Amino acid sequence: EKPLKLCEHFISAASNAGDTILDPFMGSGTTGAAAVNLGRAFIGIERERTYFDIAVERIREAIIKKQNGPLFAKHTPAIQTTIGSVRV
């Protein structure tokens, strides 16, 4: 697992708000959570179901936190389980 702040540093240095970040080896979703925190769209791909489920939950939590709680959250990840990808 990569530190969240490190991912945020690289994403902010290499992209602009609203850009789409692609992580073809999503793992536990650190890059996706960082993308959400920085206002970027995110596409992640993970073939291992265990890590995929962890990543989806982690990204969902980042969305809820950014949007001030579950009652105010306007977006949840779109999950495509046939190939194990998540798009925010």
Protein backbone atom coordinates (compact mmCIF):
# COMPACT_ATOMS: atom_id res chain seq x y z
CA GLU A 1 0.00 0.00 0.00
CA LYS A 2 1.25 3.46 -0.93
CA PRO A 3 0.81 6.37 1.50
CA LEU A 4 -2.24 8.46 0.59
CA LYS A 5 -0.34 11.76 0.84
CA LEU A 6 2.32 10.47 -1.57
CA CYS A 7 -0.34 9.54 -4.14
CA GLU A 8 -1.99 12.93 -3.69
CA HIS A 9 1.37 14.64 -4.28
CA PHE A 10 2.00 12.80 -7.56
CA ILE A 11 -1.58 13.20 -8.80
CA SER A 12 -1.64 16.93 -8.07
CA ALA A 13 1.76 17.40 -9.75
CA ALA A 14 0.79 15.48 -12.89
CA SER A 15 -2.85 16.43 -13.45
CA ASN A 16 -5.50 19.11 -13.09
CA ALA A 17 -8.83 19.08 -11.27
CA GLY A 18 -11.37 17.24 -13.40
CA ASP A 19 -8.77 15.08 -15.19
CA THR A 20 -9.18 11.31 -15.18
CA ILE A 21 -6.65 9.15 -13.36
CA LEU A 22 -6.19 5.54 -14.54
CA ASP A 23 -4.79 2.88 -12.22
CA PRO A 24 -4.64 -0.48 -14.05
CA PHE A 25 -3.36 -2.24 -10.90
CA MET A 26 -5.72 -0.74 -8.31
CA GLY A 27 -4.86 -2.92 -5.33
CA SER A 28 -6.43 -1.48 -2.18
CA GLY A 29 -7.52 1.77 -3.87
CA THR A 30 -5.06 4.34 -2.51
CA THR A 31 -4.76 6.09 -5.88
CA GLY A 32 -8.55 6.16 -6.25
CA ALA A 33 -9.04 7.69 -2.81
CA ALA A 34 -6.35 10.29 -3.59
CA ALA A 35 -8.04 11.10 -6.92
CA VAL A 36 -11.38 11.63 -5.16
CA ASN A 37 -9.73 13.85 -2.52
CA LEU A 38 -8.22 16.02 -5.27
CA GLY A 39 -11.33 16.31 -7.45
CA ARG A 40 -10.17 13.98 -10.22
CA ALA A 41 -12.21 11.31 -11.95
CA PHE A 42 -10.81 7.81 -11.46
CA ILE A 43 -10.79 4.54 -13.34
CA GLY A 44 -9.27 1.58 -11.54
CA ILE A 45 -8.81 -2.03 -12.61
CA GLU A 46 -8.16 -4.95 -10.27
CA ARG A 47 -8.43 -8.64 -11.03
CA GLU A 48 -8.23 -9.97 -7.46
CA ARG A 49 -11.73 -9.86 -5.96
CA THR A 50 -10.48 -9.37 -2.39
CA TYR A 51 -8.49 -6.27 -3.27
CA PHE A 52 -11.24 -5.03 -5.56
CA ASP A 53 -13.77 -5.11 -2.72
CA ILE A 54 -11.35 -3.32 -0.39
CA ALA A 55 -10.70 -0.64 -3.03
CA VAL A 56 -14.39 -0.04 -3.71
CA GLU A 57 -15.08 0.44 -0.01
CA ARG A 58 -12.08 2.71 0.43
CA ILE A 59 -13.06 4.89 -2.53
CA ARG A 60 -16.69 4.98 -1.37
CA GLU A 61 -15.50 6.20 2.05
CA ALA A 62 -13.40 8.93 0.38
CA ILE A 63 -16.44 10.09 -1.61
CA ILE A 64 -18.63 10.17 1.50
CA LYS A 65 -15.97 12.07 3.48
CA LYS A 66 -15.44 14.60 0.68
CA GLN A 67 -19.18 15.21 0.36
CA ASN A 68 -19.78 15.67 4.12
CA GLY A 69 -21.35 12.35 5.00
CA PRO A 70 -23.56 9.69 3.45
CA LEU A 71 -26.71 11.79 3.53
CA PHE A 72 -25.07 14.36 1.26
CA ALA A 73 -23.04 12.05 -0.98
CA LYS A 74 -24.10 12.52 -4.60
CA HIS A 75 -22.01 9.81 -6.18
CA THR A 76 -20.98 6.24 -5.55
CA PRO A 77 -18.55 4.21 -7.64
CA ALA A 78 -19.89 2.56 -10.77
CA ILE A 79 -18.72 -1.02 -10.45
CA GLN A 80 -18.18 -3.33 -13.38
CA THR A 81 -17.48 -6.65 -11.75
CA THR A 82 -17.04 -8.73 -14.90
CA ILE A 83 -13.57 -7.29 -15.42
CA GLY A 84 -13.03 -5.89 -11.94
CA SER A 85 -12.99 -2.18 -12.69
CA VAL A 86 -14.36 0.80 -10.84
CA ARG A 87 -15.02 4.25 -12.28
CA VAL A 88 -15.59 7.34 -10.16
